[in-house]
Amino acid sequence: MSEQTVSEKAIDCTDEELPDINGAEAENIIEAVLFAAGHPLEYAKIGKLFGVTPTETKKRVAAVAEKFNERSGALTMLALDDCAQICTREEFAPYIRDALGIRKGGNLSNSSIETLAIVAYNQPVTRVYVDTVRGVDSSYAVNSLLERGLIEVVGRLDQPGRPMLYGTTPDFLRCFGLSSLKDLPEVDGAGSAPAVLLNLTIDDMLNETENPDTAENSGEKTE
């Protein structure tokens, strides 16, 4: 076996015989592990259960998710770019909040929605690029999205000052119910992008509210 094959397989070193990821039992194993985890689980970790690569695992989980989501139950399986998760369907959010006493979250402010849309549809981008598109200082909105984990620093631009480049995170995909960036709805122009994200009901996905008036008092200035 070649060195490349060994590194790609990344099999968990154990004497126990690993189950076949394409076998009849694998579907139940995947469902059980994701349900018990309660949070997004990387394909690399799931793959160790079967001794296969993350790429093979992703394909198998996607097939399991497609079958799982054909059911009319309260749960849905999300197969994201590098991880998967089982969660409740959006329509049951009000009942869950009432039963568990969870405070309902509010929408992102318009400034954050605009900034998030620009990053999502044009990433990787610098903050100066976002400022230019919006026509205002976007420092507060960018920092807010960083704190929420919806965007992250993905590198630096090879220019004087080496400004940071921003892109969306797996949490962004999960919160908006997307499997990958390819699932972002098409838009006619830059002005349509914020409206598209608003229509993806972030209100039911996030637990905290960014006060639209806060940005006005936190350094976000119009030109």
N, C-alpha and C. Protein backbone atom coordinates (compact mmCIF):
# COMPACT_ATOMS: atom_id res chain seq x y z
N MET A 1 0.86 -1.19 0.00
CA MET A 1 0.00 0.00 0.00
C MET A 1 0.89 1.24 0.00
N SER A 2 0.61 2.19 -0.88
CA SER A 2 1.45 3.37 -1.00
C SER A 2 1.27 4.30 0.17
N GLU A 3 2.26 5.22 0.34
CA GLU A 3 2.20 6.19 1.43
C GLU A 3 0.99 7.09 1.28
N GLN A 4 0.65 7.47 0.02
CA GLN A 4 -0.49 8.33 -0.24
C GLN A 4 -1.78 7.65 0.20
N THR A 5 -1.90 6.36 -0.12
CA THR A 5 -3.12 5.63 0.23
C THR A 5 -3.28 5.56 1.74
N VAL A 6 -2.17 5.34 2.46
CA VAL A 6 -2.23 5.24 3.91
C VAL A 6 -2.71 6.55 4.51
N SER A 7 -2.15 7.68 4.04
CA SER A 7 -2.52 8.97 4.59
C SER A 7 -3.95 9.33 4.25
N GLU A 8 -4.41 8.92 3.07
CA GLU A 8 -5.77 9.24 2.66
C GLU A 8 -6.79 8.44 3.46
N LYS A 9 -6.44 7.21 3.73
CA LYS A 9 -7.41 6.36 4.43
C LYS A 9 -7.58 6.81 5.88
N ALA A 10 -6.51 7.16 6.54
CA ALA A 10 -6.55 7.65 7.93
C ALA A 10 -7.41 6.75 8.80
N ILE A 11 -7.14 5.45 8.71
CA ILE A 11 -7.93 4.48 9.46
C ILE A 11 -7.58 4.53 10.94
N ASP A 12 -8.58 4.47 11.78
CA ASP A 12 -8.36 4.45 13.22
C ASP A 12 -7.61 3.16 13.58
N CYS A 13 -6.50 3.32 14.29
CA CYS A 13 -5.68 2.16 14.63
C CYS A 13 -6.34 1.33 15.72
N THR A 14 -7.04 0.31 15.34
CA THR A 14 -7.71 -0.56 16.30
C THR A 14 -7.81 -1.95 15.70
N ASP A 15 -7.87 -2.93 16.59
CA ASP A 15 -8.00 -4.31 16.13
C ASP A 15 -9.46 -4.64 15.79
N GLU A 16 -10.35 -3.78 16.19
CA GLU A 16 -11.77 -4.03 15.96
C GLU A 16 -12.09 -3.88 14.47
N GLU A 17 -12.87 -4.80 13.94
CA GLU A 17 -13.25 -4.74 12.54
C GLU A 17 -14.22 -3.58 12.33
N LEU A 18 -13.93 -2.74 11.37
CA LEU A 18 -14.74 -1.55 11.13
C LEU A 18 -15.92 -1.90 10.22
N PRO A 19 -17.06 -1.26 10.45
CA PRO A 19 -18.23 -1.53 9.59
C PRO A 19 -18.03 -0.94 8.20
N ASP A 20 -18.74 -1.50 7.25
CA ASP A 20 -18.69 -1.04 5.86
C ASP A 20 -19.57 0.20 5.73
N ILE A 21 -19.02 1.30 5.24
CA ILE A 21 -19.80 2.54 5.13
C ILE A 21 -20.95 2.40 4.14
N ASN A 22 -20.86 1.46 3.25
CA ASN A 22 -21.93 1.23 2.28
C ASN A 22 -22.85 0.07 2.70
N GLY A 23 -22.58 -0.48 3.88
CA GLY A 23 -23.38 -1.59 4.35
C GLY A 23 -24.73 -1.15 4.92
N ALA A 24 -25.56 -2.11 5.21
CA ALA A 24 -26.92 -1.82 5.70
C ALA A 24 -26.91 -1.13 7.05
N GLU A 25 -25.90 -1.43 7.87
CA GLU A 25 -25.86 -0.86 9.21
C GLU A 25 -25.35 0.58 9.23
N ALA A 26 -24.63 0.98 8.19
CA ALA A 26 -23.98 2.29 8.17
C ALA A 26 -24.97 3.44 8.31
N GLU A 27 -26.10 3.33 7.65
CA GLU A 27 -27.11 4.39 7.70
C GLU A 27 -27.55 4.65 9.14
N ASN A 28 -27.81 3.59 9.88
CA ASN A 28 -28.22 3.73 11.28
C ASN A 28 -27.10 4.31 12.14
N ILE A 29 -25.86 3.88 11.85
CA ILE A 29 -24.72 4.39 12.61
C ILE A 29 -24.58 5.90 12.41
N ILE A 30 -24.67 6.34 11.17
CA ILE A 30 -24.54 7.76 10.85
C ILE A 30 -25.64 8.57 11.54
N GLU A 31 -26.87 8.08 11.45
CA GLU A 31 -27.98 8.78 12.09
C GLU A 31 -27.78 8.85 13.60
N ALA A 32 -27.38 7.73 14.21
CA ALA A 32 -27.21 7.68 15.66
C ALA A 32 -26.11 8.63 16.14
N VAL A 33 -24.99 8.64 15.43
CA VAL A 33 -23.86 9.48 15.82
C VAL A 33 -24.22 10.96 15.70
N LEU A 34 -24.87 11.35 14.60
CA LEU A 34 -25.24 12.75 14.41
C LEU A 34 -26.29 13.19 15.42
N PHE A 35 -27.23 12.32 15.71
CA PHE A 35 -28.27 12.65 16.69
C PHE A 35 -27.66 12.83 18.08
N ALA A 36 -26.75 11.92 18.45
CA ALA A 36 -26.14 11.99 19.77
C ALA A 36 -25.20 13.18 19.90
N ALA A 37 -24.55 13.56 18.81
CA ALA A 37 -23.61 14.68 18.86
C ALA A 37 -24.31 15.98 19.20
N GLY A 38 -25.44 16.25 18.55
CA GLY A 38 -26.18 17.47 18.83
C GLY A 38 -25.55 18.72 18.26
N HIS A 39 -24.48 18.58 17.51
CA HIS A 39 -23.80 19.72 16.90
C HIS A 39 -23.17 19.24 15.59
N PRO A 40 -22.74 20.16 14.72
CA PRO A 40 -22.13 19.72 13.46
C PRO A 40 -20.92 18.83 13.70
N LEU A 41 -20.86 17.70 13.00
CA LEU A 41 -19.77 16.74 13.16
C LEU A 41 -19.01 16.62 11.85
N GLU A 42 -17.69 16.78 11.92
CA GLU A 42 -16.86 16.76 10.72
C GLU A 42 -16.87 15.37 10.08
N TYR A 43 -16.78 15.36 8.73
CA TYR A 43 -16.74 14.09 8.00
C TYR A 43 -15.51 13.28 8.37
N ALA A 44 -14.44 13.97 8.74
CA ALA A 44 -13.22 13.25 9.13
C ALA A 44 -13.47 12.38 10.35
N LYS A 45 -14.24 12.90 11.30
CA LYS A 45 -14.54 12.14 12.52
C LYS A 45 -15.50 10.99 12.22
N ILE A 46 -16.49 11.26 11.39
CA ILE A 46 -17.44 10.19 11.03
C ILE A 46 -16.71 9.10 10.25
N GLY A 47 -15.81 9.52 9.35
CA GLY A 47 -15.09 8.56 8.52
C GLY A 47 -14.23 7.60 9.30
N LYS A 48 -13.74 8.03 10.47
CA LYS A 48 -12.91 7.15 11.29
C LYS A 48 -13.68 5.92 11.77
N LEU A 49 -15.01 6.05 11.87
CA LEU A 49 -15.83 4.92 12.29
C LEU A 49 -15.82 3.81 11.26
N PHE A 50 -15.57 4.19 10.00
CA PHE A 50 -15.62 3.23 8.90
C PHE A 50 -14.26 3.03 8.24
N GLY A 51 -13.26 3.81 8.67
CA GLY A 51 -11.94 3.68 8.07
C GLY A 51 -11.87 4.18 6.66
N VAL A 52 -12.61 5.27 6.35
CA VAL A 52 -12.60 5.82 4.99
C VAL A 52 -12.29 7.32 5.05
N THR A 53 -12.01 7.88 3.91
CA THR A 53 -11.63 9.29 3.81
C THR A 53 -12.84 10.20 4.03
N PRO A 54 -12.59 11.46 4.39
CA PRO A 54 -13.68 12.43 4.52
C PRO A 54 -14.49 12.58 3.23
N THR A 55 -13.79 12.49 2.09
CA THR A 55 -14.49 12.62 0.80
C THR A 55 -15.50 11.49 0.60
N GLU A 56 -15.07 10.26 0.89
CA GLU A 56 -15.99 9.11 0.78
C GLU A 56 -17.14 9.25 1.77
N THR A 57 -16.80 9.72 2.98
CA THR A 57 -17.81 9.89 4.02
C THR A 57 -18.85 10.92 3.61
N LYS A 58 -18.39 12.02 3.05
CA LYS A 58 -19.31 13.09 2.63
C LYS A 58 -20.32 12.58 1.61
N LYS A 59 -19.86 11.79 0.65
CA LYS A 59 -20.76 11.23 -0.37
C LYS A 59 -21.80 10.32 0.28
N ARG A 60 -21.36 9.49 1.21
CA ARG A 60 -22.28 8.56 1.87
C ARG A 60 -23.28 9.29 2.75
N VAL A 61 -22.79 10.28 3.50
CA VAL A 61 -23.68 11.05 4.38
C VAL A 61 -24.71 11.82 3.54
N ALA A 62 -24.29 12.35 2.41
CA ALA A 62 -25.22 13.07 1.54
C ALA A 62 -26.35 12.16 1.07
N ALA A 63 -26.00 10.91 0.76
CA ALA A 63 -27.02 9.94 0.33
C ALA A 63 -27.96 9.61 1.48
N VAL A 64 -27.39 9.45 2.68
CA VAL A 64 -28.20 9.16 3.86
C VAL A 64 -29.12 10.35 4.16
N ALA A 65 -28.58 11.57 4.03
CA ALA A 65 -29.37 12.78 4.31
C ALA A 65 -30.54 12.91 3.35
N GLU A 66 -30.30 12.58 2.08
CA GLU A 66 -31.38 12.67 1.09
C GLU A 66 -32.52 11.74 1.45
N LYS A 67 -32.19 10.53 1.85
CA LYS A 67 -33.22 9.57 2.25
C LYS A 67 -33.88 9.98 3.56
N PHE A 68 -33.06 10.44 4.50
CA PHE A 68 -33.57 10.86 5.81
C PHE A 68 -34.58 11.99 5.67
N ASN A 69 -34.30 12.94 4.79
CA ASN A 69 -35.14 14.13 4.65
C ASN A 69 -36.41 13.88 3.86
N GLU A 70 -36.54 12.69 3.30
CA GLU A 70 -37.79 12.34 2.62
C GLU A 70 -38.89 12.02 3.62
N ARG A 71 -38.50 11.78 4.87
CA ARG A 71 -39.48 11.48 5.91
C ARG A 71 -40.23 12.76 6.28
N SER A 72 -41.39 12.59 6.85
CA SER A 72 -42.21 13.74 7.23
C SER A 72 -42.13 14.02 8.72
N GLY A 73 -41.01 13.65 9.34
CA GLY A 73 -40.85 13.82 10.77
C GLY A 73 -40.42 15.22 11.15
N ALA A 74 -40.02 15.39 12.40
CA ALA A 74 -39.66 16.71 12.93
C ALA A 74 -38.18 17.03 12.74
N LEU A 75 -37.39 16.06 12.29
CA LEU A 75 -35.95 16.26 12.19
C LEU A 75 -35.50 16.34 10.73
N THR A 76 -34.38 17.02 10.52
CA THR A 76 -33.78 17.09 9.19
C THR A 76 -32.28 16.89 9.33
N MET A 77 -31.66 16.32 8.31
CA MET A 77 -30.21 16.11 8.33
C MET A 77 -29.57 17.08 7.33
N LEU A 78 -28.62 17.87 7.83
CA LEU A 78 -27.90 18.81 6.99
C LEU A 78 -26.54 18.23 6.62
N ALA A 79 -26.28 18.08 5.32
CA ALA A 79 -24.97 17.62 4.85
C ALA A 79 -24.25 18.84 4.29
N LEU A 80 -23.39 19.45 5.10
CA LEU A 80 -22.70 20.67 4.73
C LEU A 80 -21.38 20.36 4.03
N ASP A 81 -20.58 21.39 3.76
CA ASP A 81 -19.33 21.20 3.01
C ASP A 81 -18.35 20.27 3.72
N ASP A 82 -18.15 20.48 5.02
CA ASP A 82 -17.16 19.67 5.73
C ASP A 82 -17.70 19.01 6.99
N CYS A 83 -19.00 19.09 7.19
CA CYS A 83 -19.60 18.48 8.37
C CYS A 83 -21.09 18.21 8.13
N ALA A 84 -21.70 17.50 9.06
CA ALA A 84 -23.11 17.17 8.95
C ALA A 84 -23.77 17.32 10.33
N GLN A 85 -25.09 17.46 10.34
CA GLN A 85 -25.80 17.66 11.60
C GLN A 85 -27.26 17.25 11.44
N ILE A 86 -27.82 16.72 12.53
CA ILE A 86 -29.25 16.49 12.60
C ILE A 86 -29.85 17.58 13.48
N CYS A 87 -30.88 18.21 13.01
CA CYS A 87 -31.54 19.27 13.79
C CYS A 87 -33.03 19.25 13.51
N THR A 88 -33.78 20.04 14.25
CA THR A 88 -35.22 20.09 14.07
C THR A 88 -35.58 20.95 12.86
N ARG A 89 -36.70 20.65 12.27
CA ARG A 89 -37.16 21.45 11.14
C ARG A 89 -37.60 22.83 11.61
N GLU A 90 -37.45 23.78 10.72
CA GLU A 90 -37.69 25.19 11.04
C GLU A 90 -39.10 25.43 11.57
N GLU A 91 -40.10 24.73 11.03
CA GLU A 91 -41.49 25.01 11.42
C GLU A 91 -41.80 24.67 12.87
N PHE A 92 -40.92 23.90 13.52
CA PHE A 92 -41.16 23.53 14.91
C PHE A 92 -40.45 24.46 15.89
N ALA A 93 -39.74 25.46 15.38
CA ALA A 93 -38.98 26.38 16.24
C ALA A 93 -39.87 27.08 17.28
N PRO A 94 -41.06 27.58 16.92
CA PRO A 94 -41.88 28.26 17.94
C PRO A 94 -42.26 27.35 19.10
N TYR A 95 -42.58 26.09 18.82
CA TYR A 95 -42.96 25.15 19.88
C TYR A 95 -41.77 24.82 20.78
N ILE A 96 -40.60 24.70 20.16
CA ILE A 96 -39.39 24.41 20.94
C ILE A 96 -39.06 25.57 21.86
N ARG A 97 -39.17 26.79 21.33
CA ARG A 97 -38.89 27.97 22.16
C ARG A 97 -39.85 28.05 23.34
N ASP A 98 -41.14 27.81 23.07
CA ASP A 98 -42.14 27.88 24.14
C ASP A 98 -41.90 26.82 25.20
N ALA A 99 -41.63 25.59 24.76
CA ALA A 99 -41.47 24.48 25.69
C ALA A 99 -40.21 24.61 26.53
N LEU A 100 -39.14 25.14 25.94
CA LEU A 100 -37.86 25.22 26.64
C LEU A 100 -37.58 26.60 27.21
N GLY A 101 -38.51 27.52 26.99
CA GLY A 101 -38.33 28.86 27.53
C GLY A 101 -37.19 29.62 26.88
N ILE A 102 -37.00 29.41 25.58
CA ILE A 102 -35.92 30.07 24.86
C ILE A 102 -36.42 31.39 24.30
N ARG A 103 -35.65 32.46 24.59
CA ARG A 103 -36.04 33.77 24.07
C ARG A 103 -35.87 33.79 22.56
N LYS A 104 -36.88 34.31 21.88
CA LYS A 104 -36.83 34.37 20.43
C LYS A 104 -35.81 35.39 19.97
N GLY A 105 -34.98 34.98 19.04
CA GLY A 105 -33.97 35.89 18.51
C GLY A 105 -34.57 36.80 17.47
N GLY A 106 -33.92 37.92 17.23
CA GLY A 106 -34.39 38.88 16.24
C GLY A 106 -33.56 38.81 14.98
N ASN A 107 -33.95 39.62 14.02
CA ASN A 107 -33.21 39.66 12.77
C ASN A 107 -31.86 40.34 12.95
N LEU A 108 -30.95 40.04 12.07
CA LEU A 108 -29.74 40.84 11.96
C LEU A 108 -30.16 42.23 11.50
N SER A 109 -29.40 43.23 11.87
CA SER A 109 -29.70 44.58 11.40
C SER A 109 -29.50 44.64 9.90
N ASN A 110 -30.07 45.66 9.29
CA ASN A 110 -29.91 45.84 7.85
C ASN A 110 -28.44 45.95 7.46
N SER A 111 -27.66 46.65 8.29
CA SER A 111 -26.23 46.81 7.98
C SER A 111 -25.52 45.46 7.97
N SER A 112 -25.87 44.59 8.93
CA SER A 112 -25.23 43.27 8.99
C SER A 112 -25.68 42.38 7.84
N ILE A 113 -26.96 42.45 7.50
CA ILE A 113 -27.47 41.67 6.37
C ILE A 113 -26.78 42.10 5.08
N GLU A 114 -26.65 43.40 4.87
CA GLU A 114 -25.97 43.90 3.67
C GLU A 114 -24.53 43.42 3.63
N THR A 115 -23.84 43.56 4.75
CA THR A 115 -22.44 43.15 4.82
C THR A 115 -22.28 41.65 4.60
N LEU A 116 -23.14 40.85 5.25
CA LEU A 116 -23.08 39.39 5.11
C LEU A 116 -23.35 38.97 3.68
N ALA A 117 -24.30 39.63 3.03
CA ALA A 117 -24.62 39.30 1.64
C ALA A 117 -23.45 39.61 0.72
N ILE A 118 -22.79 40.75 0.93
CA ILE A 118 -21.65 41.12 0.10
C ILE A 118 -20.53 40.11 0.27
N VAL A 119 -20.26 39.70 1.51
CA VAL A 119 -19.21 38.71 1.76
C VAL A 119 -19.59 37.37 1.14
N ALA A 120 -20.84 36.94 1.34
CA ALA A 120 -21.28 35.63 0.86
C ALA A 120 -21.18 35.50 -0.65
N TYR A 121 -21.57 36.56 -1.36
CA TYR A 121 -21.63 36.48 -2.82
C TYR A 121 -20.33 36.88 -3.51
N ASN A 122 -19.37 37.46 -2.77
CA ASN A 122 -18.14 37.94 -3.42
C ASN A 122 -16.86 37.43 -2.77
N GLN A 123 -16.97 36.58 -1.76
CA GLN A 123 -15.81 36.17 -0.98
C GLN A 123 -14.73 35.50 -1.81
N PRO A 124 -13.46 35.67 -1.35
CA PRO A 124 -13.03 36.45 -0.18
C PRO A 124 -12.95 37.93 -0.50
N VAL A 125 -13.31 38.77 0.47
CA VAL A 125 -13.31 40.22 0.26
C VAL A 125 -12.66 40.92 1.45
N THR A 126 -12.18 42.13 1.21
CA THR A 126 -11.63 42.96 2.28
C THR A 126 -12.74 43.84 2.83
N ARG A 127 -12.49 44.41 4.01
CA ARG A 127 -13.48 45.32 4.57
C ARG A 127 -13.62 46.57 3.72
N VAL A 128 -12.52 47.01 3.11
CA VAL A 128 -12.57 48.19 2.23
C VAL A 128 -13.49 47.92 1.05
N TYR A 129 -13.47 46.68 0.54
CA TYR A 129 -14.37 46.33 -0.57
C TYR A 129 -15.82 46.44 -0.11
N VAL A 130 -16.10 45.92 1.08
CA VAL A 130 -17.46 45.99 1.62
C VAL A 130 -17.87 47.46 1.80
N ASP A 131 -16.96 48.27 2.34
CA ASP A 131 -17.24 49.70 2.52
C ASP A 131 -17.58 50.36 1.19
N THR A 132 -16.82 50.01 0.15
CA THR A 132 -17.01 50.62 -1.16
C THR A 132 -18.38 50.26 -1.74
N VAL A 133 -18.76 49.00 -1.60
CA VAL A 133 -20.06 48.55 -2.14
C VAL A 133 -21.22 49.20 -1.38
N ARG A 134 -21.09 49.26 -0.04
CA ARG A 134 -22.17 49.80 0.78
C ARG A 134 -22.18 51.32 0.81
N GLY A 135 -21.01 51.93 0.63
CA GLY A 135 -20.93 53.38 0.69
C GLY A 135 -20.85 53.93 2.09
N VAL A 136 -20.58 53.05 3.08
CA VAL A 136 -20.45 53.47 4.47
C VAL A 136 -19.35 52.66 5.14
N ASP A 137 -18.94 53.12 6.33
CA ASP A 137 -17.97 52.38 7.14
C ASP A 137 -18.66 51.14 7.71
N SER A 138 -18.12 49.95 7.40
CA SER A 138 -18.75 48.69 7.81
C SER A 138 -18.03 48.01 8.96
N SER A 139 -17.18 48.73 9.68
CA SER A 139 -16.40 48.13 10.75
C SER A 139 -17.28 47.44 11.78
N TYR A 140 -18.33 48.13 12.23
CA TYR A 140 -19.18 47.56 13.27
C TYR A 140 -19.88 46.29 12.77
N ALA A 141 -20.42 46.34 11.55
CA ALA A 141 -21.13 45.18 11.01
C ALA A 141 -20.19 43.99 10.85
N VAL A 142 -18.97 44.24 10.35
CA VAL A 142 -18.00 43.16 10.18
C VAL A 142 -17.65 42.53 11.52
N ASN A 143 -17.38 43.37 12.52
CA ASN A 143 -17.04 42.84 13.85
C ASN A 143 -18.19 42.05 14.46
N SER A 144 -19.40 42.53 14.24
CA SER A 144 -20.58 41.82 14.76
C SER A 144 -20.72 40.44 14.13
N LEU A 145 -20.51 40.36 12.81
CA LEU A 145 -20.62 39.08 12.11
C LEU A 145 -19.49 38.14 12.52
N LEU A 146 -18.31 38.70 12.81
CA LEU A 146 -17.20 37.88 13.30
C LEU A 146 -17.54 37.29 14.66
N GLU A 147 -18.13 38.11 15.54
CA GLU A 147 -18.50 37.65 16.87
C GLU A 147 -19.57 36.56 16.81
N ARG A 148 -20.48 36.67 15.88
CA ARG A 148 -21.54 35.67 15.72
C ARG A 148 -21.03 34.40 15.06
N GLY A 149 -19.84 34.45 14.49
CA GLY A 149 -19.30 33.27 13.83
C GLY A 149 -19.86 33.05 12.44
N LEU A 150 -20.45 34.08 11.83
CA LEU A 150 -21.02 33.95 10.49
C LEU A 150 -19.99 34.24 9.40
N ILE A 151 -18.96 35.02 9.72
CA ILE A 151 -17.85 35.23 8.81
C ILE A 151 -16.55 35.02 9.58
N GLU A 152 -15.45 34.85 8.86
CA GLU A 152 -14.15 34.63 9.48
C GLU A 152 -13.05 35.16 8.57
N VAL A 153 -11.88 35.34 9.12
CA VAL A 153 -10.72 35.75 8.33
C VAL A 153 -10.19 34.52 7.61
N VAL A 154 -10.07 34.60 6.29
CA VAL A 154 -9.65 33.45 5.49
C VAL A 154 -8.28 33.66 4.85
N GLY A 155 -7.68 34.82 5.07
CA GLY A 155 -6.37 35.09 4.50
C GLY A 155 -6.09 36.58 4.48
N ARG A 156 -5.05 36.95 3.77
CA ARG A 156 -4.68 38.36 3.63
C ARG A 156 -4.39 38.67 2.16
N LEU A 157 -4.78 39.87 1.75
CA LEU A 157 -4.56 40.29 0.37
C LEU A 157 -3.11 40.66 0.18
N ASP A 158 -2.52 40.23 -0.93
CA ASP A 158 -1.11 40.49 -1.21
C ASP A 158 -0.94 41.90 -1.76
N GLN A 159 -1.19 42.88 -0.90
CA GLN A 159 -1.05 44.29 -1.24
C GLN A 159 -0.48 45.01 -0.03
N PRO A 160 -0.01 46.25 -0.21
CA PRO A 160 0.53 47.00 0.92
C PRO A 160 -0.44 47.01 2.10
N GLY A 161 0.09 46.71 3.29
CA GLY A 161 -0.74 46.65 4.48
C GLY A 161 -1.35 45.28 4.70
N ARG A 162 -1.33 44.43 3.65
CA ARG A 162 -1.88 43.07 3.72
C ARG A 162 -3.22 43.04 4.46
N PRO A 163 -4.24 43.70 3.88
CA PRO A 163 -5.56 43.70 4.53
C PRO A 163 -6.15 42.31 4.62
N MET A 164 -6.94 42.09 5.67
CA MET A 164 -7.55 40.78 5.90
C MET A 164 -8.66 40.51 4.89
N LEU A 165 -8.76 39.25 4.50
CA LEU A 165 -9.82 38.79 3.61
C LEU A 165 -10.86 38.02 4.43
N TYR A 166 -12.12 38.28 4.16
CA TYR A 166 -13.20 37.65 4.90
C TYR A 166 -14.02 36.71 4.02
N GLY A 167 -14.49 35.64 4.65
CA GLY A 167 -15.37 34.70 3.98
C GLY A 167 -16.39 34.17 4.98
N THR A 168 -17.40 33.48 4.50
CA THR A 168 -18.42 32.93 5.39
C THR A 168 -17.93 31.65 6.05
N THR A 169 -18.59 31.24 7.11
CA THR A 169 -18.20 30.06 7.89
C THR A 169 -19.21 28.93 7.70
N PRO A 170 -18.88 27.73 8.18
CA PRO A 170 -19.87 26.64 8.17
C PRO A 170 -21.12 26.99 8.97
N ASP A 171 -20.97 27.81 10.02
CA ASP A 171 -22.13 28.23 10.80
C ASP A 171 -23.08 29.07 9.96
N PHE A 172 -22.53 29.85 9.03
CA PHE A 172 -23.37 30.63 8.12
C PHE A 172 -24.25 29.69 7.30
N LEU A 173 -23.64 28.64 6.74
CA LEU A 173 -24.41 27.68 5.95
C LEU A 173 -25.46 27.00 6.80
N ARG A 174 -25.07 26.59 8.01
CA ARG A 174 -26.00 25.88 8.90
C ARG A 174 -27.17 26.78 9.30
N CYS A 175 -26.87 28.02 9.66
CA CYS A 175 -27.92 28.95 10.10
C CYS A 175 -28.93 29.24 9.00
N PHE A 176 -28.45 29.28 7.75
CA PHE A 176 -29.34 29.59 6.65
C PHE A 176 -29.84 28.34 5.93
N GLY A 177 -29.53 27.17 6.48
CA GLY A 177 -30.03 25.93 5.91
C GLY A 177 -29.47 25.60 4.55
N LEU A 178 -28.21 25.95 4.30
CA LEU A 178 -27.56 25.70 3.01
C LEU A 178 -26.54 24.58 3.15
N SER A 179 -26.42 23.76 2.12
CA SER A 179 -25.42 22.69 2.13
C SER A 179 -24.05 23.21 1.72
N SER A 180 -24.02 24.17 0.80
CA SER A 180 -22.78 24.78 0.35
C SER A 180 -23.10 26.14 -0.25
N LEU A 181 -22.06 26.89 -0.58
CA LEU A 181 -22.27 28.22 -1.17
C LEU A 181 -22.94 28.12 -2.54
N LYS A 182 -22.83 26.96 -3.17
CA LYS A 182 -23.49 26.77 -4.46
C LYS A 182 -25.01 26.83 -4.33
N ASP A 183 -25.52 26.63 -3.10
CA ASP A 183 -26.96 26.65 -2.88
C ASP A 183 -27.50 28.07 -2.65
N LEU A 184 -26.61 29.06 -2.62
CA LEU A 184 -27.09 30.44 -2.48
C LEU A 184 -27.98 30.78 -3.67
N PRO A 185 -29.14 31.37 -3.42
CA PRO A 185 -30.02 31.75 -4.53
C PRO A 185 -29.35 32.74 -5.46
N GLU A 186 -29.66 32.64 -6.75
CA GLU A 186 -29.12 33.59 -7.71
C GLU A 186 -29.77 34.95 -7.50
N VAL A 187 -28.99 35.98 -7.74
CA VAL A 187 -29.51 37.35 -7.59
C VAL A 187 -29.30 38.11 -8.89
N ASP A 188 -30.18 39.07 -9.15
CA ASP A 188 -30.08 39.87 -10.37
C ASP A 188 -28.99 40.92 -10.28
N GLY A 189 -28.72 41.38 -9.05
CA GLY A 189 -27.70 42.41 -8.85
C GLY A 189 -27.32 42.47 -7.40
N ALA A 190 -26.31 43.30 -7.10
CA ALA A 190 -25.82 43.37 -5.72
C ALA A 190 -26.92 43.81 -4.77
N GLY A 191 -27.83 44.64 -5.24
CA GLY A 191 -28.90 45.13 -4.37
C GLY A 191 -29.88 44.06 -3.97
N SER A 192 -29.94 42.97 -4.72
CA SER A 192 -30.90 41.90 -4.43
C SER A 192 -30.39 40.95 -3.36
N ALA A 193 -29.08 40.88 -3.17
CA ALA A 193 -28.50 39.91 -2.26
C ALA A 193 -28.99 40.03 -0.82
N PRO A 194 -29.05 41.23 -0.21
CA PRO A 194 -29.54 41.33 1.16
C PRO A 194 -30.97 40.82 1.31
N ALA A 195 -31.81 41.12 0.33
CA ALA A 195 -33.21 40.67 0.39
C ALA A 195 -33.29 39.15 0.34
N VAL A 196 -32.39 38.53 -0.43
CA VAL A 196 -32.37 37.07 -0.53
C VAL A 196 -32.07 36.47 0.83
N LEU A 197 -31.08 37.01 1.54
CA LEU A 197 -30.74 36.47 2.85
C LEU A 197 -31.86 36.69 3.85
N LEU A 198 -32.53 37.82 3.78
CA LEU A 198 -33.65 38.07 4.68
C LEU A 198 -34.75 37.04 4.48
N ASN A 199 -34.96 36.63 3.24
CA ASN A 199 -36.00 35.65 2.93
C ASN A 199 -35.65 34.26 3.41
N LEU A 200 -34.40 34.04 3.85
CA LEU A 200 -33.99 32.73 4.35
C LEU A 200 -34.25 32.60 5.85
N THR A 201 -35.07 33.50 6.41
CA THR A 201 -35.58 33.44 7.79
C THR A 201 -34.48 33.26 8.83
N ILE A 202 -33.51 34.17 8.83
CA ILE A 202 -32.48 34.15 9.87
C ILE A 202 -33.11 34.32 11.25
N ASP A 203 -34.29 34.94 11.31
CA ASP A 203 -34.98 35.19 12.59
C ASP A 203 -35.20 33.91 13.38
N ASP A 204 -35.48 32.83 12.68
CA ASP A 204 -35.75 31.57 13.36
C ASP A 204 -34.49 30.75 13.59
N MET A 205 -33.34 31.23 13.11
CA MET A 205 -32.11 30.46 13.21
C MET A 205 -31.19 30.94 14.32
N LEU A 206 -31.19 32.26 14.59
CA LEU A 206 -30.25 32.83 15.53
C LEU A 206 -30.92 33.19 16.83
N ASN A 207 -30.18 33.20 17.93
CA ASN A 207 -30.75 33.44 19.25
C ASN A 207 -30.51 34.83 19.79
N GLU A 208 -29.66 35.60 19.12
CA GLU A 208 -29.36 36.92 19.62
C GLU A 208 -29.74 37.97 18.60
N THR A 209 -30.04 39.16 19.09
CA THR A 209 -30.47 40.25 18.24
C THR A 209 -29.41 41.33 18.20
N GLU A 210 -29.11 41.80 17.03
CA GLU A 210 -28.26 42.98 16.90
C GLU A 210 -29.21 44.15 16.72
N ASN A 211 -29.18 45.08 17.64
CA ASN A 211 -30.07 46.24 17.61
C ASN A 211 -29.70 47.13 16.43
N PRO A 212 -30.63 47.38 15.49
CA PRO A 212 -30.32 48.20 14.33
C PRO A 212 -29.85 49.60 14.72
N ASP A 213 -30.30 50.09 15.90
CA ASP A 213 -29.91 51.43 16.31
C ASP A 213 -28.50 51.46 16.89
N THR A 214 -27.98 50.28 17.28
CA THR A 214 -26.67 50.23 17.91
C THR A 214 -25.59 50.66 16.96
N ALA A 215 -25.72 50.24 15.69
CA ALA A 215 -24.70 50.56 14.71
C ALA A 215 -24.57 52.07 14.55
N GLU A 216 -25.68 52.77 14.71
CA GLU A 216 -25.68 54.22 14.54
C GLU A 216 -24.83 54.88 15.61
N ASN A 217 -24.76 54.20 16.80
CA ASN A 217 -24.02 54.76 17.91
C ASN A 217 -22.66 54.10 18.10
N SER A 218 -22.25 53.26 17.14
CA SER A 218 -21.02 52.48 17.33
C SER A 218 -20.01 52.69 16.23
N GLY A 219 -20.02 53.86 15.62
CA GLY A 219 -18.98 54.17 14.67
C GLY A 219 -19.32 53.88 13.25
N GLU A 220 -20.54 53.42 12.93
CA GLU A 220 -20.89 53.17 11.54
C GLU A 220 -21.44 54.47 10.97
N LYS A 221 -20.67 55.10 10.08
CA LYS A 221 -21.00 56.44 9.63
C LYS A 221 -21.25 56.43 8.14
N THR A 222 -22.19 57.21 7.71
CA THR A 222 -22.38 57.41 6.27
C THR A 222 -21.42 58.43 5.79
N GLU A 223 -21.14 58.38 4.48
CA GLU A 223 -20.19 59.34 3.94
C GLU A 223 -20.84 60.71 3.83
